[in-house]
Amino acid sequence: MTTKRLTITIPEAAKQLGVGRNQGYQAAKAGQIPTIRIGKRLLVPVSALDKLLSASDSAPKDPEQS
């Protein structure tokens, strides 16, 4: 039986976002990636990352970037 993980590591989140490990840690430090700290571990809640990504999909597009 497999259970769905509720959190992922910063490198795993960075990979899903298509950025490098270091950029993932920088984004987490800047608050651009939602994180929680459990002991010494910095983790990304999967549900918060999904909400962040779905919100960016529905955000209005900047016509100057098209």
PDB file of N, CA and C in Angstrom:
ATOM      1  N   MET A   1       0.839  -1.182   0.000  1.00  0.00           N
ATOM      2  CA  MET A   1       0.000   0.000   0.000  1.00  0.00           C
ATOM      3  C   MET A   1       0.882   1.242   0.000  1.00  0.00           C
ATOM      4  N   THR A   2       0.571   2.164  -0.885  1.00  0.00           N
ATOM      5  CA  THR A   2       1.317   3.414  -0.930  1.00  0.00           C
ATOM      6  C   THR A   2       0.442   4.531  -0.396  1.00  0.00           C
ATOM      7  N   THR A   3       1.057   5.414   0.348  1.00  0.00           N
ATOM      8  CA  THR A   3       0.336   6.571   0.850  1.00  0.00           C
ATOM      9  C   THR A   3       0.911   7.817   0.201  1.00  0.00           C
ATOM     10  N   LYS A   4       0.046   8.743  -0.090  1.00  0.00           N
ATOM     11  CA  LYS A   4       0.467   9.983  -0.713  1.00  0.00           C
ATOM     12  C   LYS A   4       1.146  10.862   0.339  1.00  0.00           C
ATOM     13  N   ARG A   5       2.321  11.335   0.020  1.00  0.00           N
ATOM     14  CA  ARG A   5       3.052  12.207   0.933  1.00  0.00           C
ATOM     15  C   ARG A   5       2.390  13.576   0.987  1.00  0.00           C
ATOM     16  N   LEU A   6       2.346  14.153   2.171  1.00  0.00           N
ATOM     17  CA  LEU A   6       1.735  15.459   2.356  1.00  0.00           C
ATOM     18  C   LEU A   6       2.732  16.595   2.185  1.00  0.00           C
ATOM     19  N   THR A   7       4.025  16.251   2.283  1.00  0.00           N
ATOM     20  CA  THR A   7       5.072  17.261   2.109  1.00  0.00           C
ATOM     21  C   THR A   7       6.162  16.711   1.192  1.00  0.00           C
ATOM     22  N   ILE A   8       6.892  17.640   0.583  1.00  0.00           N
ATOM     23  CA  ILE A   8       8.048  17.282  -0.231  1.00  0.00           C
ATOM     24  C   ILE A   8       9.206  18.195   0.174  1.00  0.00           C
ATOM     25  N   THR A   9      10.400  17.815  -0.210  1.00  0.00           N
ATOM     26  CA  THR A   9      11.577  18.617   0.108  1.00  0.00           C
ATOM     27  C   THR A   9      11.697  19.785  -0.867  1.00  0.00           C
ATOM     28  N   ILE A  10      12.532  20.739  -0.518  1.00  0.00           N
ATOM     29  CA  ILE A  10      12.774  21.882  -1.400  1.00  0.00           C
ATOM     30  C   ILE A  10      13.324  21.417  -2.758  1.00  0.00           C
ATOM     31  N   PRO A  11      14.317  20.513  -2.796  1.00  0.00           N
ATOM     32  CA  PRO A  11      14.797  20.055  -4.112  1.00  0.00           C
ATOM     33  C   PRO A  11      13.697  19.376  -4.948  1.00  0.00           C
ATOM     34  N   GLU A  12      12.800  18.632  -4.302  1.00  0.00           N
ATOM     35  CA  GLU A  12      11.697  18.001  -5.037  1.00  0.00           C
ATOM     36  C   GLU A  12      10.739  19.057  -5.575  1.00  0.00           C
ATOM     37  N   ALA A  13      10.441  20.070  -4.770  1.00  0.00           N
ATOM     38  CA  ALA A  13       9.561  21.156  -5.217  1.00  0.00           C
ATOM     39  C   ALA A  13      10.213  21.926  -6.362  1.00  0.00           C
ATOM     40  N   ALA A  14      11.506  22.191  -6.227  1.00  0.00           N
ATOM     41  CA  ALA A  14      12.225  22.908  -7.283  1.00  0.00           C
ATOM     42  C   ALA A  14      12.167  22.130  -8.597  1.00  0.00           C
ATOM     43  N   LYS A  15      12.340  20.823  -8.516  1.00  0.00           N
ATOM     44  CA  LYS A  15      12.286  19.995  -9.724  1.00  0.00           C
ATOM     45  C   LYS A  15      10.905  20.083 -10.372  1.00  0.00           C
ATOM     46  N   GLN A  16       9.844  20.029  -9.561  1.00  0.00           N
ATOM     47  CA  GLN A  16       8.485  20.140 -10.099  1.00  0.00           C
ATOM     48  C   GLN A  16       8.256  21.501 -10.752  1.00  0.00           C
ATOM     49  N   LEU A  17       8.902  22.532 -10.197  1.00  0.00           N
ATOM     50  CA  LEU A  17       8.741  23.885 -10.726  1.00  0.00           C
ATOM     51  C   LEU A  17       9.659  24.163 -11.912  1.00  0.00           C
ATOM     52  N   GLY A  18      10.603  23.262 -12.151  1.00  0.00           N
ATOM     53  CA  GLY A  18      11.508  23.433 -13.276  1.00  0.00           C
ATOM     54  C   GLY A  18      12.643  24.398 -13.001  1.00  0.00           C
ATOM     55  N   VAL A  19      13.012  24.523 -11.722  1.00  0.00           N
ATOM     56  CA  VAL A  19      14.142  25.377 -11.351  1.00  0.00           C
ATOM     57  C   VAL A  19      15.173  24.526 -10.618  1.00  0.00           C
ATOM     58  N   GLY A  20      16.336  25.070 -10.435  1.00  0.00           N
ATOM     59  CA  GLY A  20      17.400  24.348  -9.752  1.00  0.00           C
ATOM     60  C   GLY A  20      17.219  24.330  -8.244  1.00  0.00           C
ATOM     61  N   ARG A  21      18.003  23.478  -7.600  1.00  0.00           N
ATOM     62  CA  ARG A  21      17.949  23.308  -6.151  1.00  0.00           C
ATOM     63  C   ARG A  21      18.219  24.625  -5.423  1.00  0.00           C
ATOM     64  N   ASN A  22      19.292  25.311  -5.805  1.00  0.00           N
ATOM     65  CA  ASN A  22      19.640  26.566  -5.144  1.00  0.00           C
ATOM     66  C   ASN A  22      18.566  27.629  -5.327  1.00  0.00           C
ATOM     67  N   GLN A  23      18.018  27.706  -6.527  1.00  0.00           N
ATOM     68  CA  GLN A  23      16.951  28.670  -6.775  1.00  0.00           C
ATOM     69  C   GLN A  23      15.708  28.318  -5.960  1.00  0.00           C
ATOM     70  N   GLY A  24      15.472  27.031  -5.756  1.00  0.00           N
ATOM     71  CA  GLY A  24      14.364  26.600  -4.909  1.00  0.00           C
ATOM     72  C   GLY A  24      14.534  27.068  -3.476  1.00  0.00           C
ATOM     73  N   TYR A  25      15.739  26.917  -2.939  1.00  0.00           N
ATOM     74  CA  TYR A  25      16.003  27.394  -1.572  1.00  0.00           C
ATOM     75  C   TYR A  25      15.893  28.915  -1.488  1.00  0.00           C
ATOM     76  N   GLN A  26      16.356  29.621  -2.513  1.00  0.00           N
ATOM     77  CA  GLN A  26      16.235  31.080  -2.516  1.00  0.00           C
ATOM     78  C   GLN A  26      14.772  31.511  -2.543  1.00  0.00           C
ATOM     79  N   ALA A  27      13.965  30.827  -3.353  1.00  0.00           N
ATOM     80  CA  ALA A  27      12.539  31.150  -3.435  1.00  0.00           C
ATOM     81  C   ALA A  27      11.841  30.853  -2.114  1.00  0.00           C
ATOM     82  N   ALA A  28      12.228  29.775  -1.454  1.00  0.00           N
ATOM     83  CA  ALA A  28      11.640  29.445  -0.151  1.00  0.00           C
ATOM     84  C   ALA A  28      12.007  30.512   0.879  1.00  0.00           C
ATOM     85  N   LYS A  29      13.253  30.938   0.866  1.00  0.00           N
ATOM     86  CA  LYS A  29      13.712  31.967   1.803  1.00  0.00           C
ATOM     87  C   LYS A  29      12.979  33.282   1.568  1.00  0.00           C
ATOM     88  N   ALA A  30      12.691  33.585   0.306  1.00  0.00           N
ATOM     89  CA  ALA A  30      11.992  34.824  -0.055  1.00  0.00           C
ATOM     90  C   ALA A  30      10.487  34.726   0.155  1.00  0.00           C
ATOM     91  N   GLY A  31       9.998  33.527   0.506  1.00  0.00           N
ATOM     92  CA  GLY A  31       8.562  33.355   0.721  1.00  0.00           C
ATOM     93  C   GLY A  31       7.772  33.068  -0.543  1.00  0.00           C
ATOM     94  N   GLN A  32       8.452  32.814  -1.648  1.00  0.00           N
ATOM     95  CA  GLN A  32       7.766  32.528  -2.905  1.00  0.00           C
ATOM     96  C   GLN A  32       7.282  31.091  -2.975  1.00  0.00           C
ATOM     97  N   ILE A  33       7.906  30.209  -2.214  1.00  0.00           N
ATOM     98  CA  ILE A  33       7.474  28.819  -2.091  1.00  0.00           C
ATOM     99  C   ILE A  33       7.048  28.634  -0.635  1.00  0.00           C
ATOM    100  N   PRO A  34       5.816  28.164  -0.407  1.00  0.00           N
ATOM    101  CA  PRO A  34       5.358  27.972   0.973  1.00  0.00           C
ATOM    102  C   PRO A  34       6.106  26.826   1.652  1.00  0.00           C
ATOM    103  N   THR A  35       6.541  27.054   2.870  1.00  0.00           N
ATOM    104  CA  THR A  35       7.299  26.031   3.594  1.00  0.00           C
ATOM    105  C   THR A  35       6.831  25.916   5.035  1.00  0.00           C
ATOM    106  N   ILE A  36       7.133  24.762   5.624  1.00  0.00           N
ATOM    107  CA  ILE A  36       6.972  24.556   7.060  1.00  0.00           C
ATOM    108  C   ILE A  36       8.273  23.950   7.564  1.00  0.00           C
ATOM    109  N   ARG A  37       8.606  24.228   8.804  1.00  0.00           N
ATOM    110  CA  ARG A  37       9.816  23.674   9.397  1.00  0.00           C
ATOM    111  C   ARG A  37       9.405  22.636  10.436  1.00  0.00           C
ATOM    112  N   ILE A  38       9.964  21.450  10.288  1.00  0.00           N
ATOM    113  CA  ILE A  38       9.765  20.377  11.263  1.00  0.00           C
ATOM    114  C   ILE A  38      11.161  19.989  11.729  1.00  0.00           C
ATOM    115  N   GLY A  39      11.461  20.380  12.958  1.00  0.00           N
ATOM    116  CA  GLY A  39      12.818  20.177  13.453  1.00  0.00           C
ATOM    117  C   GLY A  39      13.769  21.003  12.612  1.00  0.00           C
ATOM    118  N   LYS A  40      14.761  20.361  12.058  1.00  0.00           N
ATOM    119  CA  LYS A  40      15.716  21.056  11.193  1.00  0.00           C
ATOM    120  C   LYS A  40      15.330  20.986   9.728  1.00  0.00           C
ATOM    121  N   ARG A  41      14.283  20.221   9.419  1.00  0.00           N
ATOM    122  CA  ARG A  41      13.896  20.027   8.015  1.00  0.00           C
ATOM    123  C   ARG A  41      12.961  21.125   7.541  1.00  0.00           C
ATOM    124  N   LEU A  42      13.206  21.619   6.355  1.00  0.00           N
ATOM    125  CA  LEU A  42      12.355  22.601   5.700  1.00  0.00           C
ATOM    126  C   LEU A  42      11.586  21.859   4.617  1.00  0.00           C
ATOM    127  N   LEU A  43      10.257  21.817   4.762  1.00  0.00           N
ATOM    128  CA  LEU A  43       9.422  21.033   3.852  1.00  0.00           C
ATOM    129  C   LEU A  43       8.376  21.912   3.183  1.00  0.00           C
ATOM    130  N   VAL A  44       7.915  21.469   2.033  1.00  0.00           N
ATOM    131  CA  VAL A  44       6.890  22.173   1.266  1.00  0.00           C
ATOM    132  C   VAL A  44       5.609  21.344   1.316  1.00  0.00           C
ATOM    133  N   PRO A  45       4.527  21.896   1.874  1.00  0.00           N
ATOM    134  CA  PRO A  45       3.255  21.167   1.848  1.00  0.00           C
ATOM    135  C   PRO A  45       2.762  21.037   0.397  1.00  0.00           C
ATOM    136  N   VAL A  46       2.451  19.828  -0.005  1.00  0.00           N
ATOM    137  CA  VAL A  46       2.018  19.575  -1.381  1.00  0.00           C
ATOM    138  C   VAL A  46       0.748  20.369  -1.695  1.00  0.00           C
ATOM    139  N   SER A  47      -0.187  20.426  -0.758  1.00  0.00           N
ATOM    140  CA  SER A  47      -1.443  21.148  -0.998  1.00  0.00           C
ATOM    141  C   SER A  47      -1.190  22.638  -1.224  1.00  0.00           C
ATOM    142  N   ALA A  48      -0.269  23.228  -0.472  1.00  0.00           N
ATOM    143  CA  ALA A  48       0.038  24.652  -0.637  1.00  0.00           C
ATOM    144  C   ALA A  48       0.727  24.904  -1.975  1.00  0.00           C
ATOM    145  N   LEU A  49       1.607  23.997  -2.377  1.00  0.00           N
ATOM    146  CA  LEU A  49       2.272  24.137  -3.676  1.00  0.00           C
ATOM    147  C   LEU A  49       1.257  24.006  -4.811  1.00  0.00           C
ATOM    148  N   ASP A  50       0.324  23.068  -4.691  1.00  0.00           N
ATOM    149  CA  ASP A  50      -0.723  22.911  -5.702  1.00  0.00           C
ATOM    150  C   ASP A  50      -1.576  24.172  -5.814  1.00  0.00           C
ATOM    151  N   LYS A  51      -1.945  24.755  -4.658  1.00  0.00           N
ATOM    152  CA  LYS A  51      -2.744  25.992  -4.664  1.00  0.00           C
ATOM    153  C   LYS A  51      -1.972  27.128  -5.315  1.00  0.00           C
ATOM    154  N   LEU A  52      -0.678  27.222  -5.004  1.00  0.00           N
ATOM    155  CA  LEU A  52       0.162  28.258  -5.588  1.00  0.00           C
ATOM    156  C   LEU A  52       0.195  28.120  -7.108  1.00  0.00           C
ATOM    157  N   LEU A  53       0.369  26.902  -7.583  1.00  0.00           N
ATOM    158  CA  LEU A  53       0.448  26.675  -9.023  1.00  0.00           C
ATOM    159  C   LEU A  53      -0.892  26.893  -9.710  1.00  0.00           C
ATOM    160  N   SER A  54      -1.981  26.483  -9.080  1.00  0.00           N
ATOM    161  CA  SER A  54      -3.291  26.689  -9.702  1.00  0.00           C
ATOM    162  C   SER A  54      -3.665  28.166  -9.705  1.00  0.00           C
ATOM    163  N   ALA A  55      -3.238  28.916  -8.696  1.00  0.00           N
ATOM    164  CA  ALA A  55      -3.492  30.356  -8.668  1.00  0.00           C
ATOM    165  C   ALA A  55      -2.710  31.055  -9.772  1.00  0.00           C
ATOM    166  N   SER A  56      -1.502  30.590 -10.044  1.00  0.00           N
ATOM    167  CA  SER A  56      -0.704  31.221 -11.097  1.00  0.00           C
ATOM    168  C   SER A  56      -1.270  30.894 -12.476  1.00  0.00           C
ATOM    169  N   ASP A  57      -1.940  29.748 -12.615  1.00  0.00           N
ATOM    170  CA  ASP A  57      -2.582  29.399 -13.894  1.00  0.00           C
ATOM    171  C   ASP A  57      -3.745  30.312 -14.198  1.00  0.00           C
ATOM    172  N   SER A  58      -4.475  30.733 -13.151  1.00  0.00           N
ATOM    173  CA  SER A  58      -5.662  31.541 -13.364  1.00  0.00           C
ATOM    174  C   SER A  58      -5.379  33.037 -13.279  1.00  0.00           C
ATOM    175  N   ALA A  59      -4.136  33.417 -12.986  1.00  0.00           N
ATOM    176  CA  ALA A  59      -3.764  34.823 -12.906  1.00  0.00           C
ATOM    177  C   ALA A  59      -3.804  35.439 -14.297  1.00  0.00           C
ATOM    178  N   PRO A  60      -4.202  36.705 -14.382  1.00  0.00           N
ATOM    179  CA  PRO A  60      -4.212  37.354 -15.708  1.00  0.00           C
ATOM    180  C   PRO A  60      -2.806  37.440 -16.268  1.00  0.00           C
ATOM    181  N   LYS A  61      -2.698  37.229 -17.550  1.00  0.00           N
ATOM    182  CA  LYS A  61      -1.406  37.261 -18.224  1.00  0.00           C
ATOM    183  C   LYS A  61      -1.027  38.702 -18.544  1.00  0.00           C
ATOM    184  N   ASP A  62       0.256  39.012 -18.457  1.00  0.00           N
ATOM    185  CA  ASP A  62       0.770  40.329 -18.801  1.00  0.00           C
ATOM    186  C   ASP A  62       0.900  40.380 -20.323  1.00  0.00           C
ATOM    187  N   PRO A  63       0.152  41.271 -20.984  1.00  0.00           N
ATOM    188  CA  PRO A  63       0.193  41.303 -22.451  1.00  0.00           C
ATOM    189  C   PRO A  63       1.566  41.681 -23.001  1.00  0.00           C
ATOM    190  N   GLU A  64       2.387  42.381 -22.229  1.00  0.00           N
ATOM    191  CA  GLU A  64       3.708  42.769 -22.710  1.00  0.00           C
ATOM    192  C   GLU A  64       4.663  41.598 -22.754  1.00  0.00           C
ATOM    193  N   GLN A  65       4.401  40.524 -21.983  1.00  0.00           N
ATOM    194  CA  GLN A  65       5.271  39.351 -21.968  1.00  0.00           C
ATOM    195  C   GLN A  65       4.896  38.350 -23.044  1.00  0.00           C
ATOM    196  N   SER A  66       3.783  38.530 -23.702  1.00  0.00           N
ATOM    197  CA  SER A  66       3.349  37.579 -24.737  1.00  0.00           C
ATOM    198  C   SER A  66       4.057  37.796 -26.032  1.00  0.00           C
TER     199      SER A  66
END
